[in-house]
Every structure is written in C-alpha cells, then in structure tokens.
C-alpha cells in the first residue's frame, strides 16, 4: 500500500535526521561562572531613623549591590550565620576583626554602611573592605538635604551601585604581588614557571597560585596562596636551614677510644712519678741520678681522657648506638617555613 506523506511533515523529518549528528557532536554550553560573594558587615545609624526606615536603607544597599556575578548577604543574614556558628563578631567594626568575619562568612569582600540623619539631612557612607586584610579599598558618600526617607533610600541605592561598579572592576583586575624571602635572592617558581629570584614583583590573576622556593642549604619551601583579584599584597617567606648532619656515631667511638687511651697513659704517668732515671738511660742527658716528675702530666691525661670518653659515650648514645634512639640530626624534618601576608592598596 502506498502512503502519501504531507510535504511539510516530510521536510521536517529530513531536517531532524540531518541535524541529529550535529546536535550529538555539539559541546554543552558552559554553565554560569561562580558568583562572587559579598556580605554587608553592618549598617549603622545616627540620629532619628525609625526601624522601618532602617529596613528600607538596608534593602536599598542590597538592591544597589545586586548584580549577575555577586551574591550579597544582608546584615540580618550575617547575624544569623554568626549566631549559628556561635561566633561573637556581631559588633565587629574595625580591621582587627574583619578578616575573621570574612573567613567565617566565606566571602572575599565586606561592605560597611553608615547613615547619619539630622533635621531631615542625611549623610550616607559606604565602604568596601578587603576580607583578607581588613583594609578599606573603596569608599562612596552621598548627601541628601531636606529629604524624605524614600528619597534618602534612593541615595543609598545610588551609593551602593557605585560600589558595585568598583567591585566589578576589582574581581576582574589582576593583583600586584611582591614576594620577599629570608634569605633574599632565592630562586622562585610560580605555578611551575621560573619567576627569577626574590624579591619578585608580579601581577597575578585572582585565585590560588603555587609558589616554590629553593636555595642551597635550606629546605625547599612549597606554598599555595589565594590571590584576591584587584588587591595588592606583599608576602614574606622564611626558609628553614637544613640541620648539619654531624657524624655522631663515628666521632663518638673515636673520642671514646682516644679518651680511654689518654686515661691509661695518665695512670701510667702518675704511677711512674718519682721513679729514678738510670744513668745509662738515653734520656738522662748527663743529669744523673734524677727522678721522674710526671704527676701533673698524668693528671692532665686522666682528666682530658675522662672528658673525651664521656663526650664520646654521649655522642654514641645520641646516635642510637646504645639505646636505639635515632639521632636528632638524622630524624626526618618536616619541610616548611613561615609566611606572612600584608595587603597594600
């Protein structure tokens, strides 16, 4: 039986069959990039500002900061997070506690706001704070004279929008990193690529970077640092000297043998003190008869030998020869160093 297919349906089937291989081969569209997280640390008020007006001002801050690549946490959300974590950072108002606050919230930047009202005149101030160092990296101020609450709220949103533009520039700009070390002049690689010798002044993109420093006589130092985009920082690294590997076992046995021999010679010298030297002896030198005066020499040999034998025994003990204790210099030392980071703006 012959089937008559409609022309439109037939054309659609042909297009579907032809485009199937292309659809299978086409890569998946990339998902949205990870959003930057910003937290409103606090909004402070001075003057006659009602609770309703305070809620309005904070909402205007959130609206002004909101953008595609930012996830903004309100001050109320911050308070809830701190309460859930049992943290006492609700009264954080300075750079001394801002880094801890940012770490708890998991953000790179904080925003602090202040609204001052006097006779319907509003002074509005907003600050961007580097969550790593606690330093202020951007400020915007607005003034509204003889304003109502709604008009002052619009000024707040305008100030927050200006800060948002500053944040957008920060998250895309590279950071200038100055890397110093003690000792200086150490070879350094950044993300596996040679970067010269310290001190090094480089621009690095935001995100984690691996640093490797190596110098003769020092343990190799490996560190991973997280760069906050647009924030200049200085890193000080200190390398740990490699401990001197003293041959405790060999030196201990040698000192012990020498010490025992010296003690034996000292005992003989003390015993021989006062003995007469024969006139026929080759060392009489014409002074005959005479007696040996070796008590002082014997005492010195006994004292020095005892000290050498004691030191040798201690070295053997340290090396593990007597007690099985590993020598401190031969124990595996963890490689590492110290790192300090300071931000500059």
Protein backbone atom coordinates (compact mmCIF):
# COMPACT_ATOMS: atom_id res chain seq x y z
CA UNK A 1 0.00 0.00 0.00
CA UNK A 2 1.36 3.39 -0.91
CA UNK A 3 1.35 6.12 1.78
CA UNK A 4 1.23 9.76 0.76
CA UNK A 5 3.25 11.84 3.29
CA UNK A 6 2.43 15.52 3.60
CA UNK A 7 5.17 17.66 2.11
CA UNK A 8 5.65 19.73 5.33
CA UNK A 9 5.98 16.67 7.56
CA UNK A 10 8.44 15.05 5.16
CA UNK A 11 10.63 18.17 5.11
CA UNK A 12 10.62 18.31 8.89
CA UNK A 13 11.75 14.69 9.19
CA UNK A 14 14.57 15.28 6.71
CA UNK A 15 15.82 18.28 8.72
CA UNK A 16 15.69 16.35 12.01
CA UNK A 17 17.65 13.43 10.57
CA UNK A 18 20.27 15.74 9.03
CA UNK A 19 20.75 17.78 12.23
CA UNK A 20 20.98 14.83 14.65
CA UNK A 21 24.74 14.19 14.18
CA UNK A 22 25.48 17.88 14.63
CA UNK A 23 23.45 18.03 17.83
CA UNK A 24 25.26 14.99 19.21
CA UNK A 25 28.67 16.45 18.37
CA UNK A 26 27.96 19.94 19.69
CA UNK A 27 29.56 20.66 23.09
CA UNK A 28 27.42 21.53 26.05
CA UNK A 29 27.05 25.21 26.73
CA UNK A 30 29.20 26.31 29.67
CA UNK A 31 27.37 26.88 32.90
CA UNK A 32 27.36 30.18 34.71
CA UNK A 33 30.62 31.27 36.33
CA UNK A 34 30.97 31.08 40.07
CA UNK A 35 29.46 34.18 41.67
CA UNK A 36 31.46 36.47 43.88
CA UNK A 37 30.17 36.58 47.45
CA UNK A 38 29.83 39.90 49.28
CA UNK A 39 28.49 40.39 52.81
CA UNK A 40 27.05 43.54 54.38
CA UNK A 41 29.01 43.54 57.63
CA UNK A 42 26.88 46.20 59.30
CA UNK A 43 24.66 49.22 58.65
CA UNK A 44 24.98 51.82 61.42
CA UNK A 45 22.56 54.68 62.04
CA UNK A 46 22.83 58.02 63.82
CA UNK A 47 20.00 60.41 64.54
CA UNK A 48 16.26 59.89 64.25
CA UNK A 49 15.95 56.90 61.92
CA UNK A 50 12.92 54.69 62.51
CA UNK A 51 13.02 50.90 62.33
CA UNK A 52 11.00 50.98 59.11
CA UNK A 53 13.46 53.44 57.57
CA UNK A 54 16.40 51.26 58.68
CA UNK A 55 14.93 48.27 56.90
CA UNK A 56 14.43 50.42 53.81
CA UNK A 57 18.04 51.63 53.81
CA UNK A 58 19.40 48.10 54.13
CA UNK A 59 17.20 46.83 51.32
CA UNK A 60 18.47 49.68 49.13
CA UNK A 61 22.04 48.58 49.86
CA UNK A 62 21.22 45.05 48.71
CA UNK A 63 19.46 46.32 45.59
CA UNK A 64 22.35 48.58 44.68
CA UNK A 65 24.95 45.83 45.13
CA UNK A 66 22.95 43.13 43.38
CA UNK A 67 24.43 42.11 40.00
CA UNK A 68 24.79 38.95 37.96
CA UNK A 69 28.19 37.98 39.41
CA UNK A 70 27.53 38.95 43.04
CA UNK A 71 25.81 37.02 45.79
CA UNK A 72 25.03 39.55 48.52
CA UNK A 73 24.40 38.62 52.14
CA UNK A 74 22.39 41.15 54.14
CA UNK A 75 23.41 42.18 57.64
CA UNK A 76 20.49 40.16 59.04
CA UNK A 77 21.72 37.07 57.16
CA UNK A 78 25.20 37.77 58.54
CA UNK A 79 23.82 37.91 62.08
CA UNK A 80 22.04 34.60 61.59
CA UNK A 81 25.19 32.98 60.24
CA UNK A 82 27.26 34.23 63.16
CA UNK A 83 24.63 33.04 65.63
CA UNK A 84 24.58 29.59 64.00
CA UNK A 85 28.37 29.35 64.26
CA UNK A 86 28.42 30.60 67.85
CA UNK A 87 30.68 33.50 66.86
CA UNK A 88 30.85 36.77 68.77
CA UNK A 89 31.54 39.02 65.81
CA UNK A 90 28.25 40.89 65.69
CA UNK A 91 29.94 44.05 66.99
CA UNK A 92 32.86 43.91 64.55
CA UNK A 93 33.59 47.48 63.44
CA UNK A 94 37.30 47.63 62.56
CA UNK A 95 40.07 45.98 60.57
CA UNK A 96 41.15 43.92 63.55
CA UNK A 97 38.16 41.58 63.30
CA UNK A 98 37.10 42.00 59.65
CA UNK A 99 39.38 39.18 58.35
CA UNK A 100 37.91 36.72 60.88
CA UNK A 101 34.40 37.84 59.97
CA UNK A 102 35.07 37.35 56.24
CA UNK A 103 36.55 33.91 56.90
CA UNK A 104 33.51 32.79 58.89
CA UNK A 105 31.15 34.06 56.18
CA UNK A 106 33.24 32.66 53.32
CA UNK A 107 33.47 35.96 51.40
CA UNK A 108 36.30 37.98 49.89
CA UNK A 109 34.73 41.39 50.42
CA UNK A 110 32.67 43.11 53.09
CA UNK A 111 30.53 46.23 52.87
CA UNK A 112 30.06 48.61 55.81
CA UNK A 113 27.41 51.36 55.69
CA UNK A 114 26.61 54.36 57.87
CA UNK A 115 23.57 56.66 57.74
CA UNK A 116 23.54 59.87 59.76
CA UNK A 117 20.34 61.95 60.00
CA UNK A 118 19.96 65.49 61.34
CA UNK A 119 16.90 67.66 60.66
CA UNK A 120 15.97 65.69 57.53
CA UNK A 121 19.53 65.93 56.22
CA UNK A 122 21.11 62.56 55.51
CA UNK A 123 24.83 61.70 55.27
CA UNK A 124 25.35 58.29 53.66
CA UNK A 125 28.71 56.47 53.58
CA UNK A 126 29.54 53.05 52.12
CA UNK A 127 32.90 51.23 52.24
CA UNK A 128 34.30 48.14 50.50
CA UNK A 129 36.57 46.13 52.81
CA UNK A 130 39.17 43.58 51.77
CA UNK A 131 38.21 40.42 53.63
CA UNK A 132 41.85 39.21 53.65
CA UNK A 133 43.45 42.21 55.34
CA UNK A 134 40.53 44.17 56.76
CA UNK A 135 41.58 47.32 54.90
CA UNK A 136 39.18 49.71 53.15
CA UNK A 137 39.66 49.55 49.36
CA UNK A 138 36.76 51.71 48.19
CA UNK A 139 34.52 54.43 49.62
CA UNK A 140 31.45 56.27 48.34
CA UNK A 141 29.49 59.05 50.05
CA UNK A 142 26.15 60.65 49.26
CA UNK A 143 24.34 63.58 50.86
CA UNK A 144 20.63 64.27 50.78
CA UNK A 145 19.43 67.64 52.13
CA UNK A 146 15.86 68.12 53.34
CA UNK A 147 14.88 64.66 52.13
CA UNK A 148 12.21 62.18 52.92
CA UNK A 149 13.04 58.59 53.79
CA UNK A 150 12.27 57.31 50.28
CA UNK A 151 14.49 59.93 48.64
CA UNK A 152 17.31 59.20 51.07
CA UNK A 153 16.87 55.49 50.31
CA UNK A 154 17.38 56.21 46.61
CA UNK A 155 20.62 57.98 47.51
CA UNK A 156 21.67 54.86 49.40
CA UNK A 157 20.94 52.69 46.35
CA UNK A 158 22.96 55.11 44.18
CA UNK A 159 25.94 54.90 46.52
CA UNK A 160 25.71 51.09 46.55
CA UNK A 161 25.57 50.98 42.74
CA UNK A 162 28.81 52.97 42.59
CA UNK A 163 30.42 50.47 44.95
CA UNK A 164 29.14 47.65 42.76
CA UNK A 165 30.99 49.14 39.79
CA UNK A 166 34.12 49.26 41.94
CA UNK A 167 33.64 45.61 42.93
CA UNK A 168 33.15 44.58 39.31
CA UNK A 169 36.47 46.21 38.43
CA UNK A 170 38.20 44.54 41.38
CA UNK A 171 37.09 40.99 40.61
CA UNK A 172 38.43 41.22 37.03
CA UNK A 173 41.66 43.13 37.69
CA UNK A 174 44.93 41.28 38.41
CA UNK A 175 46.63 41.76 41.77
CA UNK A 176 50.16 43.03 42.19
CA UNK A 177 52.13 40.64 44.38
CA UNK A 178 55.50 41.41 45.94
CA UNK A 179 57.16 38.19 47.15
CA UNK A 180 60.10 38.53 49.52
CA UNK A 181 62.12 35.89 51.33
CA UNK A 182 64.67 35.38 54.06
CA UNK A 183 67.32 34.85 52.83
CA UNK A 184 66.90 37.03 49.75
CA UNK A 185 67.95 36.00 46.25
CA UNK A 186 66.15 32.64 46.36
CA UNK A 187 65.06 31.03 43.10
CA UNK A 188 61.26 31.00 42.83
CA UNK A 189 58.73 29.39 40.52
CA UNK A 190 55.09 30.46 40.28
CA UNK A 191 52.64 27.82 39.05
CA UNK A 192 55.58 25.76 37.78
CA UNK A 193 57.15 28.57 35.71
CA UNK A 194 60.50 30.15 36.75
CA UNK A 195 59.94 33.68 38.08
CA UNK A 196 63.52 34.76 38.87
CA UNK A 197 64.90 35.38 42.34
CA UNK A 198 63.34 37.08 45.33
CA UNK A 199 62.23 39.78 45.80
CA UNK A 200 59.75 39.36 42.93
CA UNK A 201 57.12 41.87 41.86
CA UNK A 202 54.41 40.25 39.73
CA UNK A 203 50.80 40.69 38.67
CA UNK A 204 48.73 37.58 39.39
CA UNK A 205 45.16 36.76 38.46
CA UNK A 206 42.67 36.10 41.22
CA UNK A 207 42.57 32.56 42.58
CA UNK A 208 45.06 30.01 44.00
CA UNK A 209 48.71 30.03 42.91
CA UNK A 210 51.52 27.66 43.84
CA UNK A 211 54.88 29.10 44.94
CA UNK A 212 58.09 27.06 45.14
CA UNK A 213 61.34 28.45 46.60
CA UNK A 214 64.70 26.65 46.65
CA UNK A 215 68.14 27.67 47.94
CA UNK A 216 71.30 25.68 48.79
CA UNK A 217 71.47 24.86 52.48
CA UNK A 218 67.73 25.37 53.04
CA UNK A 219 64.67 23.13 52.92
CA UNK A 220 62.57 23.56 49.80
CA UNK A 221 59.51 25.69 50.51
CA UNK A 222 56.17 24.99 48.80
CA UNK A 223 53.21 27.24 49.43
CA UNK A 224 49.80 27.82 47.85
CA UNK A 225 48.42 31.35 48.17
CA UNK A 226 44.98 32.59 47.22
CA UNK A 227 45.01 35.89 45.39
CA UNK A 228 42.11 38.30 45.83
CA UNK A 229 41.60 40.00 42.47
CA UNK A 230 42.48 43.67 42.43
CA UNK A 231 44.11 43.65 45.88
CA UNK A 232 47.85 44.36 46.06
CA UNK A 233 49.70 42.30 48.65
CA UNK A 234 53.18 41.61 49.97
CA UNK A 235 54.25 38.11 51.04
CA UNK A 236 57.23 37.43 53.31
CA UNK A 237 58.52 33.85 53.31
CA UNK A 238 61.21 32.42 55.57
CA UNK A 239 63.15 29.31 54.58
CA UNK A 240 64.32 26.84 57.22
CA UNK A 241 68.07 25.96 57.20
CA UNK A 242 68.89 22.28 56.74
CA UNK A 243 70.30 20.91 60.05
CA UNK A 244 74.01 19.99 59.99
CA UNK A 245 74.37 16.18 59.82
CA UNK A 246 77.18 15.59 62.32
CA UNK A 247 78.61 12.00 62.32
CA UNK A 248 77.78 11.34 65.96
CA UNK A 249 78.47 7.58 65.85
CA UNK A 250 81.93 7.72 64.27
CA UNK A 251 83.02 10.73 66.27
CA UNK A 252 81.72 9.14 69.45
CA UNK A 253 83.70 5.91 69.04
CA UNK A 254 86.84 7.85 68.10
CA UNK A 255 86.50 10.11 71.17
CA UNK A 256 85.85 7.08 73.37
CA UNK A 257 88.97 5.25 72.14
CA UNK A 258 91.15 8.34 72.47
CA UNK A 259 89.74 9.05 75.93
CA UNK A 260 90.39 5.52 77.20
CA UNK A 261 93.96 5.62 75.82
CA UNK A 262 94.57 9.00 77.46
CA UNK A 263 93.28 7.74 80.82
CA UNK A 264 95.55 4.67 80.59
CA UNK A 265 98.55 6.86 79.73
CA UNK A 266 97.69 9.20 82.61
CA UNK A 267 97.51 6.33 85.08
CA UNK A 268 100.95 5.14 83.91
CA UNK A 269 102.36 8.67 84.22
CA UNK A 270 101.04 9.06 87.77
CA UNK A 271 102.40 5.63 88.72
CA UNK A 272 105.81 6.46 87.22
CA UNK A 273 106.10 9.76 89.09
CA UNK A 274 109.12 9.74 91.40
CA UNK A 275 110.90 6.82 89.70
CA UNK A 276 114.65 7.25 89.26
CA UNK A 277 116.10 7.55 85.75
CA UNK A 278 119.12 5.25 85.23
CA UNK A 279 122.41 6.92 84.33
CA UNK A 280 122.68 4.54 81.43
CA UNK A 281 119.30 5.59 80.10
CA UNK A 282 119.49 7.50 76.79
CA UNK A 283 117.26 10.32 78.14
CA UNK A 284 119.36 11.11 81.21
CA UNK A 285 121.13 14.00 79.36
CA UNK A 286 124.05 13.86 81.80
CA UNK A 287 121.79 14.62 84.77
CA UNK A 288 122.34 11.57 86.89
CA UNK A 289 120.84 10.44 89.10
CA UNK A 290 117.32 12.05 88.64
CA UNK A 291 113.66 11.13 89.21
CA UNK A 292 110.58 11.31 87.00
CA UNK A 293 108.16 14.25 87.55
CA UNK A 294 105.05 13.07 85.67
CA UNK A 295 102.27 13.58 88.20
CA UNK A 296 100.97 16.77 86.52
CA UNK A 297 101.10 15.19 83.07
CA UNK A 298 99.30 12.12 84.34
CA UNK A 299 96.56 14.17 85.97
CA UNK A 300 96.04 16.16 82.79
CA UNK A 301 95.87 12.99 80.68
CA UNK A 302 93.39 11.37 83.08
CA UNK A 303 91.16 14.46 83.16
CA UNK A 304 91.24 15.01 79.40
CA UNK A 305 90.76 11.35 78.66
CA UNK A 306 87.80 11.09 81.01
CA UNK A 307 86.20 14.12 79.35
CA UNK A 308 86.81 12.72 75.86
CA UNK A 309 85.45 9.30 76.83
CA UNK A 310 82.36 10.89 78.41
CA UNK A 311 81.70 13.02 75.33
CA UNK A 312 82.23 10.02 73.06
CA UNK A 313 79.78 7.96 75.07
CA UNK A 314 77.19 10.75 74.87
CA UNK A 315 77.58 11.00 71.08
CA UNK A 316 77.20 7.22 70.73
CA UNK A 317 74.06 7.35 72.89
CA UNK A 318 72.60 10.19 70.79
CA UNK A 319 73.33 8.31 67.56
CA UNK A 320 71.34 5.35 68.83
CA UNK A 321 74.33 3.05 69.20
CA UNK A 322 73.50 2.19 72.80
CA UNK A 323 69.77 2.89 73.22
CA UNK A 324 68.33 2.61 69.72
CA UNK A 325 67.26 6.29 69.80
CA UNK A 326 67.57 7.96 66.41
CA UNK A 327 69.97 10.87 66.18
CA UNK A 328 68.21 14.23 66.15
CA UNK A 329 70.13 15.32 63.06
CA UNK A 330 69.13 12.13 61.25
CA UNK A 331 65.43 12.37 62.05
CA UNK A 332 63.20 13.40 59.21
CA UNK A 333 62.41 17.11 59.48
CA UNK A 334 59.17 18.37 58.01
CA UNK A 335 59.79 20.72 55.15
CA UNK A 336 58.22 24.09 55.51
CA UNK A 337 58.64 27.69 56.52
CA UNK A 338 56.71 30.69 57.72
CA UNK A 339 54.52 33.01 55.68
CA UNK A 340 53.09 36.42 56.38
CA UNK A 341 50.81 38.36 54.10
CA UNK A 342 50.24 42.09 54.18
CA UNK A 343 47.91 43.99 51.89
CA UNK A 344 48.65 47.32 50.26
CA UNK A 345 46.18 49.49 48.44
